[in-house]
Amino acid sequence: MKILVPLKRVVDYNVKVRPLPDNSNVDLNNVKMSVNPFCEIALEEAVRIKEAGNAEEVIAVTVGKTESQEQLRTALALGADRAILVETESLLEPLAIAKVIAKIVDEEKPDLIILGKQAIDGDNNQTGQMLGALLDYPQATNASEVVLDENSVTVTREIDGGLQTLKLNKPAIVTTDLRLNEPRYASLPNIMKAKKKELTVKNVSELGLDISARTELLSVELPPSRDAGIIVESVDELVDKLKNEAKVIG
């Protein structure tokens, strides 16, 4: 069985991002970049499936600039067997990303596609679902448990008020939630081995896809600062302010 794991290069979750002075976009100058945390969970699950003897190959793929090779090398160090970079200078929208991945799926014919449910930069939570629609594959989102057998994948997913269990015929798409697993750290020997693993680079223009933007970014701004709080001396004063100033009680 072959597993494809799409990854995204994002600003590291420890970094506090700021807009550019002209508010045209996020300031990425000298900012640490990492693999999207949900994508790390997806990769970890794929590697565990392979380690359990249920898959022969794990392929990591990302769509982005040349610098994204750094994140793919990290994926190779974490257990992926080979990697594919679809190179583009533009920041593509989820639909365009889904189209690119669908093209890679058509070439690689994986039995299972595992990807993070969302990226921590855009928080769109769209790519997996769009990919499922483009490929007409069964899908399960927000997975907290994945169990494989010969012809199907059983996924437990978190929904409002409880858990839902779905059985998908292969090939299938699964998007991962936080509670699926705890990603490992790359060891030094595996980091060194990753340098020798195959990393294929394609240009997005070679794929013959319409990846034009459907939306336009107008501005990026920090949220307004909150006013300082008020200390009250008594419950009566609190009730009075809630009633007459905030007007949240009658």
C-alpha atoms as a PDB file:
ATOM      1  CA  MET A   1       0.000   0.000   0.000  1.00  0.00           C
ATOM      2  CA  LYS A   2       1.154   3.512  -0.811  1.00  0.00           C
ATOM      3  CA  ILE A   3       0.319   6.558   1.345  1.00  0.00           C
ATOM      4  CA  LEU A   4       0.492  10.158   0.153  1.00  0.00           C
ATOM      5  CA  VAL A   5       0.895  12.899   2.770  1.00  0.00           C
ATOM      6  CA  PRO A   6       0.429  16.513   1.601  1.00  0.00           C
ATOM      7  CA  LEU A   7       2.289  19.016   3.816  1.00  0.00           C
ATOM      8  CA  LYS A   8       2.296  22.796   4.136  1.00  0.00           C
ATOM      9  CA  ARG A   9       5.115  25.184   5.051  1.00  0.00           C
ATOM     10  CA  VAL A  10       3.801  27.684   7.621  1.00  0.00           C
ATOM     11  CA  VAL A  11       5.106  30.206  10.112  1.00  0.00           C
ATOM     12  CA  ASP A  12       6.201  28.310  13.231  1.00  0.00           C
ATOM     13  CA  TYR A  13       3.429  28.197  15.820  1.00  0.00           C
ATOM     14  CA  ASN A  14       5.693  29.839  18.423  1.00  0.00           C
ATOM     15  CA  VAL A  15       6.129  32.972  16.294  1.00  0.00           C
ATOM     16  CA  LYS A  16       3.891  35.979  16.855  1.00  0.00           C
ATOM     17  CA  VAL A  17       3.173  37.214  13.347  1.00  0.00           C
ATOM     18  CA  ARG A  18       2.888  40.875  12.386  1.00  0.00           C
ATOM     19  CA  PRO A  19       1.512  42.589   9.279  1.00  0.00           C
ATOM     20  CA  LEU A  20       3.757  44.473   6.895  1.00  0.00           C
ATOM     21  CA  PRO A  21       3.870  48.256   7.409  1.00  0.00           C
ATOM     22  CA  ASP A  22       1.517  48.781   4.460  1.00  0.00           C
ATOM     23  CA  ASN A  23      -0.877  46.046   5.704  1.00  0.00           C
ATOM     24  CA  SER A  24      -0.567  44.260   2.381  1.00  0.00           C
ATOM     25  CA  ASN A  25       0.282  40.879   3.919  1.00  0.00           C
ATOM     26  CA  VAL A  26       1.971  39.101   6.827  1.00  0.00           C
ATOM     27  CA  ASP A  27       5.613  40.018   7.451  1.00  0.00           C
ATOM     28  CA  LEU A  28       7.641  36.847   6.790  1.00  0.00           C
ATOM     29  CA  ASN A  29      11.095  38.456   6.830  1.00  0.00           C
ATOM     30  CA  ASN A  30      13.482  36.430   9.039  1.00  0.00           C
ATOM     31  CA  VAL A  31      10.559  34.430  10.445  1.00  0.00           C
ATOM     32  CA  LYS A  32      11.043  30.777  11.408  1.00  0.00           C
ATOM     33  CA  MET A  33       9.056  28.418   9.170  1.00  0.00           C
ATOM     34  CA  SER A  34       7.981  24.870  10.012  1.00  0.00           C
ATOM     35  CA  VAL A  35       5.786  22.008   8.902  1.00  0.00           C
ATOM     36  CA  ASN A  36       2.155  22.748   9.735  1.00  0.00           C
ATOM     37  CA  PRO A  37       1.399  20.938  13.061  1.00  0.00           C
ATOM     38  CA  PHE A  38      -1.673  19.138  11.680  1.00  0.00           C
ATOM     39  CA  CYS A  39       0.443  17.943   8.741  1.00  0.00           C
ATOM     40  CA  GLU A  40       3.002  16.562  11.206  1.00  0.00           C
ATOM     41  CA  ILE A  41       0.211  14.499  12.761  1.00  0.00           C
ATOM     42  CA  ALA A  42      -0.789  13.211   9.319  1.00  0.00           C
ATOM     43  CA  LEU A  43       2.809  12.232   8.541  1.00  0.00           C
ATOM     44  CA  GLU A  44       3.224  10.534  11.910  1.00  0.00           C
ATOM     45  CA  GLU A  45       0.107   8.446  11.284  1.00  0.00           C
ATOM     46  CA  ALA A  46       1.356   7.425   7.842  1.00  0.00           C
ATOM     47  CA  VAL A  47       4.760   6.426   9.227  1.00  0.00           C
ATOM     48  CA  ARG A  48       3.127   4.421  12.021  1.00  0.00           C
ATOM     49  CA  ILE A  49       0.986   2.597   9.479  1.00  0.00           C
ATOM     50  CA  LYS A  50       4.117   1.707   7.534  1.00  0.00           C
ATOM     51  CA  GLU A  51       5.987   0.642  10.679  1.00  0.00           C
ATOM     52  CA  ALA A  52       3.070  -1.675  11.529  1.00  0.00           C
ATOM     53  CA  GLY A  53       3.602  -3.406   8.186  1.00  0.00           C
ATOM     54  CA  ASN A  54       0.442  -2.049   6.545  1.00  0.00           C
ATOM     55  CA  ALA A  55       2.141   0.152   3.938  1.00  0.00           C
ATOM     56  CA  GLU A  56       5.214  -0.097   1.744  1.00  0.00           C
ATOM     57  CA  GLU A  57       5.819   3.560   0.941  1.00  0.00           C
ATOM     58  CA  VAL A  58       5.065   7.006   2.378  1.00  0.00           C
ATOM     59  CA  ILE A  59       5.363   9.980   0.014  1.00  0.00           C
ATOM     60  CA  ALA A  60       5.397  13.563   1.270  1.00  0.00           C
ATOM     61  CA  VAL A  61       4.279  16.306  -1.115  1.00  0.00           C
ATOM     62  CA  THR A  62       4.038  20.070  -0.812  1.00  0.00           C
ATOM     63  CA  VAL A  63       3.179  22.995  -3.046  1.00  0.00           C
ATOM     64  CA  GLY A  64       5.276  26.112  -2.555  1.00  0.00           C
ATOM     65  CA  LYS A  65       8.500  27.983  -3.106  1.00  0.00           C
ATOM     66  CA  THR A  66      11.963  26.432  -3.358  1.00  0.00           C
ATOM     67  CA  GLU A  67      12.415  26.999   0.386  1.00  0.00           C
ATOM     68  CA  SER A  68       9.728  24.362   1.014  1.00  0.00           C
ATOM     69  CA  GLN A  69      12.392  21.720   0.374  1.00  0.00           C
ATOM     70  CA  GLU A  70      13.467  22.350   3.975  1.00  0.00           C
ATOM     71  CA  GLN A  71      10.121  21.093   5.282  1.00  0.00           C
ATOM     72  CA  LEU A  72      10.163  18.139   2.913  1.00  0.00           C
ATOM     73  CA  ARG A  73      13.627  17.165   4.190  1.00  0.00           C
ATOM     74  CA  THR A  74      12.144  17.304   7.685  1.00  0.00           C
ATOM     75  CA  ALA A  75       9.382  14.962   6.520  1.00  0.00           C
ATOM     76  CA  LEU A  76      11.981  12.587   5.093  1.00  0.00           C
ATOM     77  CA  ALA A  77      13.827  12.663   8.412  1.00  0.00           C
ATOM     78  CA  LEU A  78      10.577  11.823  10.204  1.00  0.00           C
ATOM     79  CA  GLY A  79      10.035   8.693   8.130  1.00  0.00           C
ATOM     80  CA  ALA A  80       8.756   9.552   4.644  1.00  0.00           C
ATOM     81  CA  ASP A  81      10.447   7.494   1.921  1.00  0.00           C
ATOM     82  CA  ARG A  82      10.517  10.167  -0.767  1.00  0.00           C
ATOM     83  CA  ALA A  83       9.190  13.647  -1.384  1.00  0.00           C
ATOM     84  CA  ILE A  84       7.723  15.771  -4.162  1.00  0.00           C
ATOM     85  CA  LEU A  85       7.828  19.565  -4.367  1.00  0.00           C
ATOM     86  CA  VAL A  86       5.463  21.258  -6.790  1.00  0.00           C
ATOM     87  CA  GLU A  87       7.190  24.594  -7.096  1.00  0.00           C
ATOM     88  CA  THR A  88       5.346  27.905  -7.410  1.00  0.00           C
ATOM     89  CA  GLU A  89       6.162  31.466  -6.411  1.00  0.00           C
ATOM     90  CA  SER A  90       2.499  32.213  -5.663  1.00  0.00           C
ATOM     91  CA  LEU A  91       0.633  31.400  -2.459  1.00  0.00           C
ATOM     92  CA  LEU A  92      -2.106  29.168  -3.823  1.00  0.00           C
ATOM     93  CA  GLU A  93      -5.640  28.957  -2.487  1.00  0.00           C
ATOM     94  CA  PRO A  94      -7.087  25.667  -1.156  1.00  0.00           C
ATOM     95  CA  LEU A  95      -8.858  24.875  -4.440  1.00  0.00           C
ATOM     96  CA  ALA A  96      -5.634  25.271  -6.415  1.00  0.00           C
ATOM     97  CA  ILE A  97      -3.750  23.162  -3.859  1.00  0.00           C
ATOM     98  CA  ALA A  98      -6.418  20.458  -4.132  1.00  0.00           C
ATOM     99  CA  LYS A  99      -6.091  20.493  -7.929  1.00  0.00           C
ATOM    100  CA  VAL A 100      -2.322  20.069  -7.714  1.00  0.00           C
ATOM    101  CA  ILE A 101      -2.584  17.216  -5.211  1.00  0.00           C
ATOM    102  CA  ALA A 102      -5.244  15.540  -7.361  1.00  0.00           C
ATOM    103  CA  LYS A 103      -2.763  15.631 -10.250  1.00  0.00           C
ATOM    104  CA  ILE A 104      -0.073  14.021  -8.062  1.00  0.00           C
ATOM    105  CA  VAL A 105      -2.602  11.394  -6.930  1.00  0.00           C
ATOM    106  CA  ASP A 106      -3.334  10.617 -10.578  1.00  0.00           C
ATOM    107  CA  GLU A 107       0.389  10.050 -11.170  1.00  0.00           C
ATOM    108  CA  GLU A 108       1.253   8.172  -7.961  1.00  0.00           C
ATOM    109  CA  LYS A 109      -1.982   6.158  -7.440  1.00  0.00           C
ATOM    110  CA  PRO A 110      -1.793   6.051  -3.602  1.00  0.00           C
ATOM    111  CA  ASP A 111      -4.221   3.839  -1.671  1.00  0.00           C
ATOM    112  CA  LEU A 112      -4.557   6.366   1.146  1.00  0.00           C
ATOM    113  CA  ILE A 113      -4.142  10.148   1.354  1.00  0.00           C
ATOM    114  CA  ILE A 114      -3.662  11.566   4.851  1.00  0.00           C
ATOM    115  CA  LEU A 115      -3.458  15.308   5.415  1.00  0.00           C
ATOM    116  CA  GLY A 116      -3.952  17.751   8.242  1.00  0.00           C
ATOM    117  CA  LYS A 117      -7.501  19.017   8.674  1.00  0.00           C
ATOM    118  CA  GLN A 118      -6.303  22.639   8.370  1.00  0.00           C
ATOM    119  CA  ALA A 119      -3.224  24.853   8.262  1.00  0.00           C
ATOM    120  CA  ILE A 120      -2.529  27.189  11.170  1.00  0.00           C
ATOM    121  CA  ASP A 121      -1.997  30.191   8.896  1.00  0.00           C
ATOM    122  CA  GLY A 122      -5.204  30.334   6.857  1.00  0.00           C
ATOM    123  CA  ASP A 123      -7.303  27.994   9.063  1.00  0.00           C
ATOM    124  CA  ASN A 124      -9.429  27.251   5.995  1.00  0.00           C
ATOM    125  CA  ASN A 125     -10.105  23.549   6.625  1.00  0.00           C
ATOM    126  CA  GLN A 126     -10.965  23.119   2.930  1.00  0.00           C
ATOM    127  CA  THR A 127      -8.226  21.319   1.016  1.00  0.00           C
ATOM    128  CA  GLY A 128      -9.089  17.766   2.114  1.00  0.00           C
ATOM    129  CA  GLN A 129     -12.767  18.181   1.322  1.00  0.00           C
ATOM    130  CA  MET A 130     -12.064  19.806  -2.054  1.00  0.00           C
ATOM    131  CA  LEU A 131      -9.620  17.028  -2.898  1.00  0.00           C
ATOM    132  CA  GLY A 132     -12.283  14.441  -2.084  1.00  0.00           C
ATOM    133  CA  ALA A 133     -14.729  16.176  -4.416  1.00  0.00           C
ATOM    134  CA  LEU A 134     -12.204  16.450  -7.262  1.00  0.00           C
ATOM    135  CA  LEU A 135     -11.181  12.784  -7.005  1.00  0.00           C
ATOM    136  CA  ASP A 136     -14.621  11.458  -6.037  1.00  0.00           C
ATOM    137  CA  TYR A 137     -12.940   9.534  -3.191  1.00  0.00           C
ATOM    138  CA  PRO A 138     -14.584   8.648   0.124  1.00  0.00           C
ATOM    139  CA  GLN A 139     -13.305  10.870   2.914  1.00  0.00           C
ATOM    140  CA  ALA A 140     -13.338  11.223   6.688  1.00  0.00           C
ATOM    141  CA  THR A 141     -12.371  14.504   8.341  1.00  0.00           C
ATOM    142  CA  ASN A 142     -11.184  15.319  11.897  1.00  0.00           C
ATOM    143  CA  ALA A 143      -9.916  11.784  12.483  1.00  0.00           C
ATOM    144  CA  SER A 144      -9.000  10.777  16.045  1.00  0.00           C
ATOM    145  CA  GLU A 145      -8.380   7.099  15.195  1.00  0.00           C
ATOM    146  CA  VAL A 146      -7.505   5.291  11.965  1.00  0.00           C
ATOM    147  CA  VAL A 147      -7.669   1.490  11.551  1.00  0.00           C
ATOM    148  CA  LEU A 148      -6.811  -0.263   8.279  1.00  0.00           C
ATOM    149  CA  ASP A 149      -7.750  -3.590   6.813  1.00  0.00           C
ATOM    150  CA  GLU A 150      -7.115  -5.024   3.356  1.00  0.00           C
ATOM    151  CA  ASN A 151      -9.753  -3.099   1.399  1.00  0.00           C
ATOM    152  CA  SER A 152     -11.025  -0.380   3.733  1.00  0.00           C
ATOM    153  CA  VAL A 153     -10.165   2.245   6.323  1.00  0.00           C
ATOM    154  CA  THR A 154     -12.181   2.652   9.530  1.00  0.00           C
ATOM    155  CA  VAL A 155     -11.996   6.180  10.917  1.00  0.00           C
ATOM    156  CA  THR A 156     -13.277   7.498  14.214  1.00  0.00           C
ATOM    157  CA  ARG A 157     -13.901  11.222  13.921  1.00  0.00           C
ATOM    158  CA  GLU A 158     -14.809  13.885  16.432  1.00  0.00           C
ATOM    159  CA  ILE A 159     -18.165  15.601  15.925  1.00  0.00           C
ATOM    160  CA  ASP A 160     -20.251  17.933  18.064  1.00  0.00           C
ATOM    161  CA  GLY A 161     -21.419  15.947  21.064  1.00  0.00           C
ATOM    162  CA  GLY A 162     -19.498  12.732  20.487  1.00  0.00           C
ATOM    163  CA  LEU A 163     -17.696  10.416  18.071  1.00  0.00           C
ATOM    164  CA  GLN A 164     -18.649   9.088  14.659  1.00  0.00           C
ATOM    165  CA  THR A 165     -17.162   5.970  13.047  1.00  0.00           C
ATOM    166  CA  LEU A 166     -16.942   5.704   9.263  1.00  0.00           C
ATOM    167  CA  LYS A 167     -15.760   2.839   7.060  1.00  0.00           C
ATOM    168  CA  LEU A 168     -14.210   3.981   3.777  1.00  0.00           C
ATOM    169  CA  ASN A 169     -13.316   1.887   0.765  1.00  0.00           C
ATOM    170  CA  LYS A 170      -9.808   2.433  -0.565  1.00  0.00           C
ATOM    171  CA  PRO A 171      -8.543   4.652  -2.086  1.00  0.00           C
ATOM    172  CA  ALA A 172      -9.638   7.136   0.559  1.00  0.00           C
ATOM    173  CA  ILE A 173      -8.869  10.527   2.068  1.00  0.00           C
ATOM    174  CA  VAL A 174      -8.435  11.163   5.806  1.00  0.00           C
ATOM    175  CA  THR A 175      -7.819  14.516   7.488  1.00  0.00           C
ATOM    176  CA  THR A 176      -6.298  14.448  10.954  1.00  0.00           C
ATOM    177  CA  ASP A 177      -7.255  16.056  14.246  1.00  0.00           C
ATOM    178  CA  LEU A 178      -5.015  16.854  17.208  1.00  0.00           C
ATOM    179  CA  ARG A 179      -5.865  13.760  19.245  1.00  0.00           C
ATOM    180  CA  LEU A 180      -4.887  11.233  16.585  1.00  0.00           C
ATOM    181  CA  ASN A 181      -1.264  10.920  17.751  1.00  0.00           C
ATOM    182  CA  GLU A 182       1.813  12.697  19.113  1.00  0.00           C
ATOM    183  CA  PRO A 183       4.382  13.388  16.361  1.00  0.00           C
ATOM    184  CA  ARG A 184       7.947  12.205  16.931  1.00  0.00           C
ATOM    185  CA  TYR A 185      11.134  14.249  16.781  1.00  0.00           C
ATOM    186  CA  ALA A 186      13.679  13.673  14.023  1.00  0.00           C
ATOM    187  CA  SER A 187      16.860  11.983  15.249  1.00  0.00           C
ATOM    188  CA  LEU A 188      20.271  13.106  14.023  1.00  0.00           C
ATOM    189  CA  PRO A 189      20.939   9.845  12.120  1.00  0.00           C
ATOM    190  CA  ASN A 190      17.581  10.148  10.347  1.00  0.00           C
ATOM    191  CA  ILE A 191      18.278  13.801   9.497  1.00  0.00           C
ATOM    192  CA  MET A 192      21.522  12.682   7.847  1.00  0.00           C
ATOM    193  CA  LYS A 193      19.766   9.846   5.988  1.00  0.00           C
ATOM    194  CA  ALA A 194      17.110  12.271   4.755  1.00  0.00           C
ATOM    195  CA  LYS A 195      19.719  14.154   2.751  1.00  0.00           C
ATOM    196  CA  LYS A 196      20.157  11.091   0.527  1.00  0.00           C
ATOM    197  CA  LYS A 197      16.461  10.349   0.006  1.00  0.00           C
ATOM    198  CA  GLU A 198      14.734  11.202  -3.253  1.00  0.00           C
ATOM    199  CA  LEU A 199      13.196  14.675  -3.549  1.00  0.00           C
ATOM    200  CA  THR A 200      11.577  15.411  -6.910  1.00  0.00           C
ATOM    201  CA  VAL A 201      10.887  19.008  -7.954  1.00  0.00           C
ATOM    202  CA  LYS A 202       8.179  19.846 -10.494  1.00  0.00           C
ATOM    203  CA  ASN A 203       7.015  23.269 -11.615  1.00  0.00           C
ATOM    204  CA  VAL A 204       3.311  23.915 -11.226  1.00  0.00           C
ATOM    205  CA  SER A 205       3.207  25.222 -14.806  1.00  0.00           C
ATOM    206  CA  GLU A 206       4.030  21.707 -16.056  1.00  0.00           C
ATOM    207  CA  LEU A 207       0.778  20.306 -14.691  1.00  0.00           C
ATOM    208  CA  GLY A 208      -1.551  22.200 -17.023  1.00  0.00           C
ATOM    209  CA  LEU A 209      -3.936  23.330 -14.278  1.00  0.00           C
ATOM    210  CA  ASP A 210      -6.023  26.454 -13.740  1.00  0.00           C
ATOM    211  CA  ILE A 211      -4.671  27.723 -10.418  1.00  0.00           C
ATOM    212  CA  SER A 212      -5.813  31.329 -10.771  1.00  0.00           C
ATOM    213  CA  ALA A 213      -6.951  33.020  -7.564  1.00  0.00           C
ATOM    214  CA  ARG A 214     -10.672  33.209  -6.794  1.00  0.00           C
ATOM    215  CA  THR A 215     -10.237  35.730  -3.990  1.00  0.00           C
ATOM    216  CA  GLU A 216      -8.216  38.896  -3.426  1.00  0.00           C
ATOM    217  CA  LEU A 217      -6.387  39.783  -0.214  1.00  0.00           C
ATOM    218  CA  LEU A 218      -7.274  43.380   0.635  1.00  0.00           C
ATOM    219  CA  SER A 219      -5.370  43.928   3.889  1.00  0.00           C
ATOM    220  CA  VAL A 220      -3.871  42.229   6.942  1.00  0.00           C
ATOM    221  CA  GLU A 221      -4.349  44.026  10.251  1.00  0.00           C
ATOM    222  CA  LEU A 222      -3.852  43.275  13.919  1.00  0.00           C
ATOM    223  CA  PRO A 223      -7.060  42.950  15.948  1.00  0.00           C
ATOM    224  CA  PRO A 224      -8.010  46.130  17.837  1.00  0.00           C
ATOM    225  CA  SER A 225      -6.464  46.399  21.295  1.00  0.00           C
ATOM    226  CA  ARG A 226      -8.817  45.796  24.172  1.00  0.00           C
ATOM    227  CA  ASP A 227      -9.623  48.530  26.669  1.00  0.00           C
ATOM    228  CA  ALA A 228      -8.312  48.082  30.200  1.00  0.00           C
ATOM    229  CA  GLY A 229     -10.616  46.305  32.621  1.00  0.00           C
ATOM    230  CA  ILE A 230     -12.438  47.955  35.537  1.00  0.00           C
ATOM    231  CA  ILE A 231     -12.126  46.881  39.164  1.00  0.00           C
ATOM    232  CA  VAL A 232     -15.375  47.164  41.105  1.00  0.00           C
ATOM    233  CA  GLU A 233     -15.670  47.382  44.874  1.00  0.00           C
ATOM    234  CA  SER A 234     -18.837  45.345  45.367  1.00  0.00           C
ATOM    235  CA  VAL A 235     -21.355  43.030  43.732  1.00  0.00           C
ATOM    236  CA  ASP A 236     -23.904  45.845  43.698  1.00  0.00           C
ATOM    237  CA  GLU A 237     -21.527  48.059  41.717  1.00  0.00           C
ATOM    238  CA  LEU A 238     -20.855  45.187  39.284  1.00  0.00           C
ATOM    239  CA  VAL A 239     -24.565  44.609  38.729  1.00  0.00           C
ATOM    240  CA  ASP A 240     -25.131  48.340  38.241  1.00  0.00           C
ATOM    241  CA  LYS A 241     -22.420  48.579  35.550  1.00  0.00           C
ATOM    242  CA  LEU A 242     -23.658  45.458  33.774  1.00  0.00           C
ATOM    243  CA  LYS A 243     -27.175  46.841  33.778  1.00  0.00           C
ATOM    244  CA  ASN A 244     -26.652  50.538  33.032  1.00  0.00           C
ATOM    245  CA  GLU A 245     -23.309  50.728  31.174  1.00  0.00           C
ATOM    246  CA  ALA A 246     -22.785  47.398  29.434  1.00  0.00           C
ATOM    247  CA  LYS A 247     -26.559  46.818  29.164  1.00  0.00           C
ATOM    248  CA  VAL A 248     -26.114  43.054  29.166  1.00  0.00           C
ATOM    249  CA  ILE A 249     -28.711  42.413  31.867  1.00  0.00           C
ATOM    250  CA  GLY A 250     -32.199  43.882  32.245  1.00  0.00           C
END
